[in-house]
């Protein structure tokens, strides 16, 4: 499982060929990290 931020929606072409929006990508990475850490905490608590 990976969580590369391809951007919102299912169209990967803007991420592949367009100019990246660095603040938006940073926000997607940080929200992904936060989500996986929360899931990990729930699993480890059991």
N, C-alpha and C. Protein backbone atom coordinates (compact mmCIF):
# COMPACT_ATOMS: atom_id res chain seq x y z
N UNK A 1 0.85 -1.17 0.00
CA UNK A 1 0.00 0.00 0.00
C UNK A 1 0.89 1.23 0.00
N UNK A 2 0.55 2.15 -0.83
CA UNK A 2 1.26 3.43 -0.86
C UNK A 2 0.25 4.55 -0.82
N UNK A 3 0.70 5.71 -0.49
CA UNK A 3 -0.21 6.86 -0.46
C UNK A 3 0.42 8.06 -1.16
N UNK A 4 0.95 7.82 -2.35
CA UNK A 4 1.49 8.93 -3.12
C UNK A 4 0.36 9.90 -3.43
N UNK A 5 0.57 11.15 -3.20
CA UNK A 5 -0.50 12.13 -3.45
C UNK A 5 -0.61 12.47 -4.93
N UNK A 6 -1.50 11.79 -5.61
CA UNK A 6 -1.73 12.09 -7.02
C UNK A 6 -2.66 13.28 -7.18
N UNK A 7 -3.17 13.75 -6.10
CA UNK A 7 -4.07 14.88 -6.16
C UNK A 7 -5.50 14.42 -5.99
N UNK A 8 -6.39 15.36 -5.79
CA UNK A 8 -7.79 15.00 -5.61
C UNK A 8 -8.39 14.45 -6.90
N UNK A 9 -9.23 13.46 -6.76
CA UNK A 9 -9.88 12.88 -7.93
C UNK A 9 -9.09 11.72 -8.50
N UNK A 10 -9.62 11.10 -9.52
CA UNK A 10 -9.01 9.92 -10.08
C UNK A 10 -8.17 10.16 -11.32
N UNK A 11 -7.96 11.40 -11.71
CA UNK A 11 -7.22 11.69 -12.94
C UNK A 11 -5.76 11.95 -12.60
N UNK A 12 -4.84 11.01 -12.92
CA UNK A 12 -3.42 11.21 -12.57
C UNK A 12 -2.67 12.11 -13.54
N UNK A 13 -3.26 12.44 -14.70
CA UNK A 13 -2.52 13.19 -15.71
C UNK A 13 -2.10 14.59 -15.28
N UNK A 14 -2.92 15.35 -14.57
CA UNK A 14 -2.42 16.66 -14.11
C UNK A 14 -1.19 16.52 -13.21
N UNK A 15 -1.16 15.49 -12.38
CA UNK A 15 0.00 15.28 -11.51
C UNK A 15 1.22 14.86 -12.32
N UNK A 16 0.99 14.11 -13.39
CA UNK A 16 2.11 13.62 -14.20
C UNK A 16 2.65 14.70 -15.13
N UNK A 17 1.78 15.51 -15.70
CA UNK A 17 2.20 16.43 -16.75
C UNK A 17 2.04 17.91 -16.40
N UNK A 18 1.30 18.20 -15.36
CA UNK A 18 1.07 19.59 -14.99
C UNK A 18 2.11 20.10 -14.01
N UNK A 19 2.04 21.37 -13.71
CA UNK A 19 2.93 21.98 -12.73
C UNK A 19 2.38 21.68 -11.33
N UNK A 20 3.18 21.11 -10.43
CA UNK A 20 2.67 20.72 -9.12
C UNK A 20 2.36 21.93 -8.24
N UNK A 21 1.33 21.79 -7.47
CA UNK A 21 0.97 22.79 -6.46
C UNK A 21 1.57 22.30 -5.14
N UNK A 22 2.78 22.78 -4.83
CA UNK A 22 3.52 22.25 -3.68
C UNK A 22 2.78 22.37 -2.36
N UNK A 23 2.12 23.48 -2.05
CA UNK A 23 1.38 23.53 -0.78
C UNK A 23 0.25 22.49 -0.72
N UNK A 24 -0.42 22.28 -1.84
CA UNK A 24 -1.50 21.28 -1.86
C UNK A 24 -0.93 19.87 -1.70
N UNK A 25 0.18 19.58 -2.37
CA UNK A 25 0.81 18.27 -2.23
C UNK A 25 1.29 18.05 -0.79
N UNK A 26 1.88 19.07 -0.17
CA UNK A 26 2.30 18.96 1.22
C UNK A 26 1.11 18.65 2.13
N UNK A 27 0.00 19.32 1.90
CA UNK A 27 -1.20 19.08 2.71
C UNK A 27 -1.70 17.65 2.52
N UNK A 28 -1.68 17.14 1.28
CA UNK A 28 -2.10 15.76 1.04
C UNK A 28 -1.17 14.76 1.72
N UNK A 29 0.13 15.00 1.68
CA UNK A 29 1.09 14.11 2.33
C UNK A 29 0.87 14.12 3.84
N UNK A 30 0.75 15.29 4.43
CA UNK A 30 0.57 15.36 5.88
C UNK A 30 -0.74 14.74 6.33
N UNK A 31 -1.81 14.92 5.55
CA UNK A 31 -3.08 14.30 5.94
C UNK A 31 -3.01 12.78 5.80
N UNK A 32 -2.27 12.30 4.80
CA UNK A 32 -2.09 10.85 4.64
C UNK A 32 -1.29 10.28 5.81
N UNK A 33 -0.23 10.95 6.19
CA UNK A 33 0.58 10.50 7.32
C UNK A 33 -0.24 10.48 8.59
N UNK A 34 -1.01 11.54 8.82
CA UNK A 34 -1.84 11.61 10.02
C UNK A 34 -2.84 10.46 10.04
N UNK A 35 -3.47 10.16 8.91
CA UNK A 35 -4.44 9.07 8.83
C UNK A 35 -3.80 7.72 9.17
N UNK A 36 -2.65 7.44 8.56
CA UNK A 36 -2.01 6.15 8.82
C UNK A 36 -1.51 6.04 10.26
N UNK A 37 -1.06 7.13 10.83
CA UNK A 37 -0.63 7.09 12.24
C UNK A 37 -1.82 6.85 13.16
N UNK A 38 -2.95 7.47 12.87
CA UNK A 38 -4.15 7.23 13.67
C UNK A 38 -4.58 5.78 13.57
N UNK A 39 -4.53 5.21 12.37
CA UNK A 39 -4.89 3.78 12.20
C UNK A 39 -3.92 2.90 12.97
N UNK A 40 -2.66 3.22 12.91
CA UNK A 40 -1.65 2.45 13.64
C UNK A 40 -1.90 2.49 15.14
N UNK A 41 -2.23 3.67 15.66
CA UNK A 41 -2.53 3.80 17.08
C UNK A 41 -3.72 2.95 17.49
N UNK A 42 -4.75 2.90 16.65
CA UNK A 42 -5.92 2.10 16.97
C UNK A 42 -5.57 0.61 16.99
N UNK A 43 -4.76 0.17 16.04
CA UNK A 43 -4.37 -1.24 15.98
C UNK A 43 -3.50 -1.59 17.17
N UNK A 44 -2.57 -0.73 17.51
CA UNK A 44 -1.65 -1.01 18.61
C UNK A 44 -2.35 -0.96 19.97
N UNK A 45 -3.47 -0.25 20.07
CA UNK A 45 -4.18 -0.13 21.34
C UNK A 45 -4.93 -1.41 21.69
N UNK A 46 -5.24 -2.24 20.70
CA UNK A 46 -5.99 -3.48 20.97
C UNK A 46 -5.12 -4.56 21.54
